[in-house]
N, C-alpha and C. Protein backbone atom coordinates (compact mmCIF):
# COMPACT_ATOMS: atom_id res chain seq x y z
N MET A 1 -48.75 113.46 -66.11
CA MET A 1 -49.37 112.22 -65.75
C MET A 1 -48.54 111.23 -66.04
N LYS A 2 -48.55 109.94 -65.33
CA LYS A 2 -47.01 108.90 -65.00
C LYS A 2 -48.09 107.69 -66.05
N THR A 3 -47.34 106.67 -66.74
CA THR A 3 -47.66 106.05 -67.98
C THR A 3 -49.09 104.46 -66.38
N VAL A 4 -49.70 104.73 -67.06
CA VAL A 4 -50.75 103.16 -66.67
C VAL A 4 -50.81 102.06 -66.06
N GLY A 5 -49.85 101.27 -64.86
CA GLY A 5 -49.58 100.34 -64.34
C GLY A 5 -48.28 100.30 -64.03
N ASP A 6 -47.92 101.14 -63.82
CA ASP A 6 -46.61 101.44 -62.99
C ASP A 6 -46.30 102.43 -62.05
N GLY A 7 -48.11 102.04 -61.63
CA GLY A 7 -47.22 102.70 -59.70
C GLY A 7 -48.52 103.72 -60.19
N GLY A 8 -48.31 105.01 -61.02
CA GLY A 8 -48.75 106.24 -60.73
C GLY A 8 -50.78 105.91 -60.49
N SER A 9 -51.01 104.86 -61.47
CA SER A 9 -52.48 104.26 -61.78
C SER A 9 -52.76 104.36 -60.20
N ILE A 10 -52.09 103.37 -59.25
CA ILE A 10 -52.69 102.71 -58.26
C ILE A 10 -53.01 103.84 -56.81
N THR A 11 -51.68 105.34 -57.27
CA THR A 11 -51.97 106.12 -56.81
C THR A 11 -53.10 107.15 -57.00
N ASP A 12 -53.10 106.68 -58.10
CA ASP A 12 -54.67 107.44 -58.34
C ASP A 12 -56.07 106.78 -58.17
N ARG A 13 -56.26 105.86 -58.56
CA ARG A 13 -57.38 105.02 -57.70
C ARG A 13 -56.75 105.34 -56.00
N PHE A 14 -56.13 105.03 -55.77
CA PHE A 14 -56.32 105.71 -54.30
C PHE A 14 -56.48 106.84 -54.10
N ALA A 15 -56.36 107.88 -54.22
CA ALA A 15 -56.51 108.72 -53.91
C ALA A 15 -57.73 109.60 -53.93
N VAL A 16 -58.58 108.37 -55.70
CA VAL A 16 -59.91 109.01 -55.86
C VAL A 16 -61.08 107.92 -54.21
N TYR A 17 -60.52 106.65 -54.07
CA TYR A 17 -60.83 106.31 -52.96
C TYR A 17 -61.95 106.41 -52.27
N LEU A 18 -59.66 106.94 -51.48
CA LEU A 18 -60.01 107.96 -50.17
C LEU A 18 -61.30 109.26 -50.43
N SER A 19 -60.52 110.04 -50.77
CA SER A 19 -61.82 111.12 -51.24
C SER A 19 -63.45 110.24 -51.09
N LEU A 20 -63.71 109.00 -52.38
CA LEU A 20 -64.99 108.95 -51.90
C LEU A 20 -65.33 108.61 -50.50
N VAL A 21 -64.13 107.43 -50.22
CA VAL A 21 -65.07 107.42 -48.45
C VAL A 21 -64.88 108.42 -47.84
N PHE A 22 -63.77 109.63 -48.15
CA PHE A 22 -64.50 110.44 -47.12
C PHE A 22 -65.11 111.61 -47.30
N GLU A 23 -65.60 111.71 -48.17
CA GLU A 23 -67.22 112.39 -48.81
C GLU A 23 -68.27 111.09 -48.75
N LYS A 24 -68.32 109.95 -48.62
CA LYS A 24 -69.57 108.99 -47.99
C LYS A 24 -68.94 109.22 -46.24
N PHE A 25 -67.82 109.32 -45.96
CA PHE A 25 -68.02 109.67 -44.72
C PHE A 25 -68.51 110.94 -43.62
N ALA A 26 -68.23 112.26 -44.60
CA ALA A 26 -67.78 112.88 -44.30
C ALA A 26 -70.25 113.96 -44.30
N SER A 27 -70.51 112.85 -45.07
CA SER A 27 -71.70 112.85 -45.78
C SER A 27 -72.87 112.21 -44.23
N MET A 28 -72.52 110.66 -44.16
CA MET A 28 -72.69 110.08 -42.81
C MET A 28 -72.86 110.43 -41.76
N ARG A 29 -71.51 111.95 -41.12
CA ARG A 29 -71.30 112.00 -40.00
C ARG A 29 -72.41 113.54 -40.12
N SER A 30 -72.61 113.28 -40.58
CA SER A 30 -73.04 115.09 -41.11
C SER A 30 -74.97 114.35 -41.50
N GLY A 31 -75.13 113.33 -41.04
CA GLY A 31 -76.56 113.11 -41.10
C GLY A 31 -77.07 112.79 -39.60
N MET A 32 -75.45 111.98 -39.39
CA MET A 32 -75.54 111.51 -37.71
C MET A 32 -75.64 112.84 -36.36
N THR A 33 -75.03 113.74 -37.01
CA THR A 33 -74.82 114.48 -35.74
C THR A 33 -76.67 115.86 -36.16
N VAL A 34 -76.47 115.74 -38.01
CA VAL A 34 -77.69 116.89 -38.15
C VAL A 34 -78.37 115.77 -37.82
């Protein structure tokens, strides 16, 4: 794991945010199509 504040935390946050958005988008799309 990288140190916090060196950029690793930003990548981690971005990855988590991206996964959350993808999950939300997937559920929304699923609800719309199905």
